[in-house]
Amino acid sequence: MGSSFEELEVWGKSCRLSVRLYKLLRDCRDYGMKDQMLRSSISIPSNIAERNRFIDFFTLRGYR
């Protein structure tokens, strides 16, 4: 199997982006925009992690 997604630079940067957005938008009163931006920022590292699990699944079964 490959290296962990947590070792990927892009995963770390996307996590830091999410933390920054949470801090920046803490007092935002436009709740719709705030919610969309936060959900979008969380989806980036989540999708990276999910893709890694998907690849591991097929690698374990000899498809790769």
PDB file of N, CA and C in Angstrom:
ATOM      1  N   MET A   1       0.829  -1.183   0.000  1.00  0.00           N
ATOM      2  CA  MET A   1       0.000   0.000   0.000  1.00  0.00           C
ATOM      3  C   MET A   1       0.871   1.243   0.000  1.00  0.00           C
ATOM      4  N   GLY A   2       0.299   2.340  -0.478  1.00  0.00           N
ATOM      5  CA  GLY A   2       1.019   3.598  -0.535  1.00  0.00           C
ATOM      6  C   GLY A   2       1.093   4.265   0.821  1.00  0.00           C
ATOM      7  N   SER A   3       1.675   5.429   0.801  1.00  0.00           N
ATOM      8  CA  SER A   3       1.796   6.174   2.048  1.00  0.00           C
ATOM      9  C   SER A   3       0.438   6.723   2.463  1.00  0.00           C
ATOM     10  N   SER A   4       0.354   7.111   3.698  1.00  0.00           N
ATOM     11  CA  SER A   4      -0.893   7.607   4.251  1.00  0.00           C
ATOM     12  C   SER A   4      -1.234   8.982   3.672  1.00  0.00           C
ATOM     13  N   PHE A   5      -2.519   9.250   3.527  1.00  0.00           N
ATOM     14  CA  PHE A   5      -2.944  10.553   3.020  1.00  0.00           C
ATOM     15  C   PHE A   5      -2.517  11.676   3.957  1.00  0.00           C
ATOM     16  N   GLU A   6      -2.314  11.360   5.242  1.00  0.00           N
ATOM     17  CA  GLU A   6      -1.898  12.383   6.202  1.00  0.00           C
ATOM     18  C   GLU A   6      -0.486  12.896   5.920  1.00  0.00           C
ATOM     19  N   GLU A   7       0.270  12.147   5.140  1.00  0.00           N
ATOM     20  CA  GLU A   7       1.621  12.563   4.776  1.00  0.00           C
ATOM     21  C   GLU A   7       1.635  13.460   3.538  1.00  0.00           C
ATOM     22  N   LEU A   8       0.508  13.589   2.864  1.00  0.00           N
ATOM     23  CA  LEU A   8       0.433  14.412   1.664  1.00  0.00           C
ATOM     24  C   LEU A   8       0.407  15.894   2.027  1.00  0.00           C
ATOM     25  N   GLU A   9       1.227  16.670   1.344  1.00  0.00           N
ATOM     26  CA  GLU A   9       1.288  18.110   1.600  1.00  0.00           C
ATOM     27  C   GLU A   9      -0.066  18.775   1.340  1.00  0.00           C
ATOM     28  N   VAL A  10      -0.736  18.359   0.284  1.00  0.00           N
ATOM     29  CA  VAL A  10      -2.019  18.966  -0.061  1.00  0.00           C
ATOM     30  C   VAL A  10      -3.067  18.698   1.020  1.00  0.00           C
ATOM     31  N   TRP A  11      -3.020  17.540   1.646  1.00  0.00           N
ATOM     32  CA  TRP A  11      -3.972  17.234   2.724  1.00  0.00           C
ATOM     33  C   TRP A  11      -3.716  18.148   3.924  1.00  0.00           C
ATOM     34  N   GLY A  12      -2.460  18.323   4.283  1.00  0.00           N
ATOM     35  CA  GLY A  12      -2.120  19.200   5.402  1.00  0.00           C
ATOM     36  C   GLY A  12      -2.516  20.640   5.140  1.00  0.00           C
ATOM     37  N   LYS A  13      -2.255  21.114   3.922  1.00  0.00           N
ATOM     38  CA  LYS A  13      -2.625  22.487   3.575  1.00  0.00           C
ATOM     39  C   LYS A  13      -4.136  22.678   3.603  1.00  0.00           C
ATOM     40  N   SER A  14      -4.868  21.691   3.132  1.00  0.00           N
ATOM     41  CA  SER A  14      -6.326  21.816   3.125  1.00  0.00           C
ATOM     42  C   SER A  14      -6.892  21.806   4.546  1.00  0.00           C
ATOM     43  N   CYS A  15      -6.272  21.064   5.437  1.00  0.00           N
ATOM     44  CA  CYS A  15      -6.702  21.082   6.842  1.00  0.00           C
ATOM     45  C   CYS A  15      -6.430  22.445   7.471  1.00  0.00           C
ATOM     46  N   ARG A  16      -5.262  22.999   7.183  1.00  0.00           N
ATOM     47  CA  ARG A  16      -4.928  24.326   7.721  1.00  0.00           C
ATOM     48  C   ARG A  16      -5.864  25.398   7.162  1.00  0.00           C
ATOM     49  N   LEU A  17      -6.243  25.264   5.894  1.00  0.00           N
ATOM     50  CA  LEU A  17      -7.200  26.189   5.298  1.00  0.00           C
ATOM     51  C   LEU A  17      -8.528  26.138   6.044  1.00  0.00           C
ATOM     52  N   SER A  18      -9.001  24.947   6.347  1.00  0.00           N
ATOM     53  CA  SER A  18     -10.262  24.798   7.077  1.00  0.00           C
ATOM     54  C   SER A  18     -10.197  25.476   8.440  1.00  0.00           C
ATOM     55  N   VAL A  19      -9.098  25.285   9.139  1.00  0.00           N
ATOM     56  CA  VAL A  19      -8.938  25.903  10.461  1.00  0.00           C
ATOM     57  C   VAL A  19      -8.947  27.424  10.333  1.00  0.00           C
ATOM     58  N   ARG A  20      -8.239  27.946   9.337  1.00  0.00           N
ATOM     59  CA  ARG A  20      -8.214  29.403   9.122  1.00  0.00           C
ATOM     60  C   ARG A  20      -9.604  29.944   8.831  1.00  0.00           C
ATOM     61  N   LEU A  21     -10.338  29.231   7.981  1.00  0.00           N
ATOM     62  CA  LEU A  21     -11.685  29.691   7.653  1.00  0.00           C
ATOM     63  C   LEU A  21     -12.592  29.685   8.874  1.00  0.00           C
ATOM     64  N   TYR A  22     -12.502  28.657   9.698  1.00  0.00           N
ATOM     65  CA  TYR A  22     -13.302  28.625  10.920  1.00  0.00           C
ATOM     66  C   TYR A  22     -13.014  29.847  11.781  1.00  0.00           C
ATOM     67  N   LYS A  23     -11.738  30.211  11.895  1.00  0.00           N
ATOM     68  CA  LYS A  23     -11.366  31.375  12.703  1.00  0.00           C
ATOM     69  C   LYS A  23     -11.835  32.674  12.055  1.00  0.00           C
ATOM     70  N   LEU A  24     -11.640  32.794  10.742  1.00  0.00           N
ATOM     71  CA  LEU A  24     -12.027  34.016  10.036  1.00  0.00           C
ATOM     72  C   LEU A  24     -13.534  34.241  10.030  1.00  0.00           C
ATOM     73  N   LEU A  25     -14.279  33.171   9.922  1.00  0.00           N
ATOM     74  CA  LEU A  25     -15.734  33.284   9.789  1.00  0.00           C
ATOM     75  C   LEU A  25     -16.481  33.145  11.114  1.00  0.00           C
ATOM     76  N   ARG A  26     -15.761  33.096  12.198  1.00  0.00           N
ATOM     77  CA  ARG A  26     -16.375  32.897  13.510  1.00  0.00           C
ATOM     78  C   ARG A  26     -17.505  33.894  13.778  1.00  0.00           C
ATOM     79  N   ASP A  27     -17.296  35.157  13.428  1.00  0.00           N
ATOM     80  CA  ASP A  27     -18.289  36.195  13.719  1.00  0.00           C
ATOM     81  C   ASP A  27     -19.136  36.585  12.512  1.00  0.00           C
ATOM     82  N   CYS A  28     -19.034  35.843  11.437  1.00  0.00           N
ATOM     83  CA  CYS A  28     -19.794  36.141  10.221  1.00  0.00           C
ATOM     84  C   CYS A  28     -21.289  35.946  10.481  1.00  0.00           C
ATOM     85  N   ARG A  29     -22.079  36.927  10.056  1.00  0.00           N
ATOM     86  CA  ARG A  29     -23.528  36.844  10.284  1.00  0.00           C
ATOM     87  C   ARG A  29     -24.291  36.325   9.070  1.00  0.00           C
ATOM     88  N   ASP A  30     -23.611  36.193   7.962  1.00  0.00           N
ATOM     89  CA  ASP A  30     -24.245  35.610   6.779  1.00  0.00           C
ATOM     90  C   ASP A  30     -24.109  34.092   6.917  1.00  0.00           C
ATOM     91  N   TYR A  31     -25.067  33.503   7.619  1.00  0.00           N
ATOM     92  CA  TYR A  31     -24.955  32.093   7.990  1.00  0.00           C
ATOM     93  C   TYR A  31     -24.972  31.149   6.789  1.00  0.00           C
ATOM     94  N   GLY A  32     -25.691  31.524   5.750  1.00  0.00           N
ATOM     95  CA  GLY A  32     -25.714  30.683   4.555  1.00  0.00           C
ATOM     96  C   GLY A  32     -24.348  30.604   3.894  1.00  0.00           C
ATOM     97  N   MET A  33     -23.719  31.774   3.713  1.00  0.00           N
ATOM     98  CA  MET A  33     -22.393  31.808   3.107  1.00  0.00           C
ATOM     99  C   MET A  33     -21.372  31.117   4.009  1.00  0.00           C
ATOM    100  N   LYS A  34     -21.457  31.406   5.291  1.00  0.00           N
ATOM    101  CA  LYS A  34     -20.526  30.808   6.257  1.00  0.00           C
ATOM    102  C   LYS A  34     -20.618  29.286   6.220  1.00  0.00           C
ATOM    103  N   ASP A  35     -21.828  28.783   6.262  1.00  0.00           N
ATOM    104  CA  ASP A  35     -22.037  27.338   6.256  1.00  0.00           C
ATOM    105  C   ASP A  35     -21.486  26.701   4.982  1.00  0.00           C
ATOM    106  N   GLN A  36     -21.772  27.320   3.839  1.00  0.00           N
ATOM    107  CA  GLN A  36     -21.299  26.769   2.564  1.00  0.00           C
ATOM    108  C   GLN A  36     -19.782  26.766   2.492  1.00  0.00           C
ATOM    109  N   MET A  37     -19.152  27.857   2.918  1.00  0.00           N
ATOM    110  CA  MET A  37     -17.689  27.936   2.867  1.00  0.00           C
ATOM    111  C   MET A  37     -17.045  26.912   3.798  1.00  0.00           C
ATOM    112  N   LEU A  38     -17.602  26.748   4.986  1.00  0.00           N
ATOM    113  CA  LEU A  38     -17.028  25.789   5.931  1.00  0.00           C
ATOM    114  C   LEU A  38     -17.219  24.353   5.454  1.00  0.00           C
ATOM    115  N   ARG A  39     -18.403  24.050   4.947  1.00  0.00           N
ATOM    116  CA  ARG A  39     -18.634  22.693   4.434  1.00  0.00           C
ATOM    117  C   ARG A  39     -17.733  22.394   3.239  1.00  0.00           C
ATOM    118  N   SER A  40     -17.549  23.384   2.377  1.00  0.00           N
ATOM    119  CA  SER A  40     -16.667  23.202   1.218  1.00  0.00           C
ATOM    120  C   SER A  40     -15.225  22.975   1.642  1.00  0.00           C
ATOM    121  N   SER A  41     -14.779  23.743   2.637  1.00  0.00           N
ATOM    122  CA  SER A  41     -13.382  23.603   3.071  1.00  0.00           C
ATOM    123  C   SER A  41     -13.132  22.250   3.733  1.00  0.00           C
ATOM    124  N   ILE A  42     -14.115  21.731   4.430  1.00  0.00           N
ATOM    125  CA  ILE A  42     -13.976  20.416   5.068  1.00  0.00           C
ATOM    126  C   ILE A  42     -14.001  19.297   4.027  1.00  0.00           C
ATOM    127  N   SER A  43     -14.719  19.526   2.932  1.00  0.00           N
ATOM    128  CA  SER A  43     -14.826  18.465   1.925  1.00  0.00           C
ATOM    129  C   SER A  43     -13.498  18.191   1.221  1.00  0.00           C
ATOM    130  N   ILE A  44     -12.603  19.167   1.177  1.00  0.00           N
ATOM    131  CA  ILE A  44     -11.326  18.974   0.482  1.00  0.00           C
ATOM    132  C   ILE A  44     -10.496  17.872   1.151  1.00  0.00           C
ATOM    133  N   PRO A  45     -10.135  18.011   2.441  1.00  0.00           N
ATOM    134  CA  PRO A  45      -9.353  16.929   3.058  1.00  0.00           C
ATOM    135  C   PRO A  45     -10.148  15.626   3.170  1.00  0.00           C
ATOM    136  N   SER A  46     -11.464  15.748   3.314  1.00  0.00           N
ATOM    137  CA  SER A  46     -12.295  14.540   3.393  1.00  0.00           C
ATOM    138  C   SER A  46     -12.241  13.745   2.092  1.00  0.00           C
ATOM    139  N   ASN A  47     -12.309  14.437   0.966  1.00  0.00           N
ATOM    140  CA  ASN A  47     -12.247  13.760  -0.334  1.00  0.00           C
ATOM    141  C   ASN A  47     -10.877  13.146  -0.587  1.00  0.00           C
ATOM    142  N   ILE A  48      -9.827  13.826  -0.145  1.00  0.00           N
ATOM    143  CA  ILE A  48      -8.477  13.268  -0.292  1.00  0.00           C
ATOM    144  C   ILE A  48      -8.363  11.970   0.503  1.00  0.00           C
ATOM    145  N   ALA A  49      -8.850  11.989   1.732  1.00  0.00           N
ATOM    146  CA  ALA A  49      -8.795  10.795   2.579  1.00  0.00           C
ATOM    147  C   ALA A  49      -9.641   9.663   1.992  1.00  0.00           C
ATOM    148  N   GLU A  50     -10.811   9.995   1.491  1.00  0.00           N
ATOM    149  CA  GLU A  50     -11.691   8.974   0.921  1.00  0.00           C
ATOM    150  C   GLU A  50     -11.062   8.340  -0.317  1.00  0.00           C
ATOM    151  N   ARG A  51     -10.439   9.139  -1.139  1.00  0.00           N
ATOM    152  CA  ARG A  51      -9.774   8.620  -2.339  1.00  0.00           C
ATOM    153  C   ARG A  51      -8.657   7.650  -1.946  1.00  0.00           C
ATOM    154  N   ASN A  52      -7.921   8.000  -0.910  1.00  0.00           N
ATOM    155  CA  ASN A  52      -6.846   7.139  -0.432  1.00  0.00           C
ATOM    156  C   ASN A  52      -7.397   5.798   0.046  1.00  0.00           C
ATOM    157  N   ARG A  53      -8.495   5.814   0.763  1.00  0.00           N
ATOM    158  CA  ARG A  53      -9.114   4.564   1.232  1.00  0.00           C
ATOM    159  C   ARG A  53      -9.618   3.726   0.059  1.00  0.00           C
ATOM    160  N   PHE A  54     -10.150   4.392  -0.949  1.00  0.00           N
ATOM    161  CA  PHE A  54     -10.647   3.710  -2.144  1.00  0.00           C
ATOM    162  C   PHE A  54      -9.507   2.986  -2.861  1.00  0.00           C
ATOM    163  N   ILE A  55      -8.386   3.670  -3.028  1.00  0.00           N
ATOM    164  CA  ILE A  55      -7.216   3.061  -3.677  1.00  0.00           C
ATOM    165  C   ILE A  55      -6.704   1.891  -2.842  1.00  0.00           C
ATOM    166  N   ASP A  56      -6.627   2.053  -1.527  1.00  0.00           N
ATOM    167  CA  ASP A  56      -6.180   0.971  -0.649  1.00  0.00           C
ATOM    168  C   ASP A  56      -7.088  -0.252  -0.764  1.00  0.00           C
ATOM    169  N   PHE A  57      -8.388  -0.026  -0.874  1.00  0.00           N
ATOM    170  CA  PHE A  57      -9.354  -1.111  -0.996  1.00  0.00           C
ATOM    171  C   PHE A  57      -9.029  -1.984  -2.206  1.00  0.00           C
ATOM    172  N   PHE A  58      -8.804  -1.351  -3.356  1.00  0.00           N
ATOM    173  CA  PHE A  58      -8.515  -2.111  -4.569  1.00  0.00           C
ATOM    174  C   PHE A  58      -7.107  -2.691  -4.571  1.00  0.00           C
ATOM    175  N   THR A  59      -6.171  -1.997  -3.954  1.00  0.00           N
ATOM    176  CA  THR A  59      -4.801  -2.505  -3.878  1.00  0.00           C
ATOM    177  C   THR A  59      -4.757  -3.792  -3.062  1.00  0.00           C
ATOM    178  N   LEU A  60      -5.479  -3.821  -1.962  1.00  0.00           N
ATOM    179  CA  LEU A  60      -5.514  -5.013  -1.109  1.00  0.00           C
ATOM    180  C   LEU A  60      -6.085  -6.222  -1.843  1.00  0.00           C
ATOM    181  N   ARG A  61      -6.965  -5.980  -2.789  1.00  0.00           N
ATOM    182  CA  ARG A  61      -7.601  -7.071  -3.512  1.00  0.00           C
ATOM    183  C   ARG A  61      -6.869  -7.438  -4.801  1.00  0.00           C
ATOM    184  N   GLY A  62      -5.722  -6.825  -5.026  1.00  0.00           N
ATOM    185  CA  GLY A  62      -4.903  -7.182  -6.172  1.00  0.00           C
ATOM    186  C   GLY A  62      -5.339  -6.584  -7.491  1.00  0.00           C
ATOM    187  N   TYR A  63      -6.183  -5.566  -7.472  1.00  0.00           N
ATOM    188  CA  TYR A  63      -6.633  -4.937  -8.709  1.00  0.00           C
ATOM    189  C   TYR A  63      -5.649  -3.917  -9.234  1.00  0.00           C
ATOM    190  N   ARG A  64      -4.636  -3.621  -8.478  1.00  0.00           N
ATOM    191  CA  ARG A  64      -3.702  -2.582  -8.884  1.00  0.00           C
ATOM    192  C   ARG A  64      -2.307  -3.111  -8.863  1.00  0.00           C
TER     193      ARG A  64
END
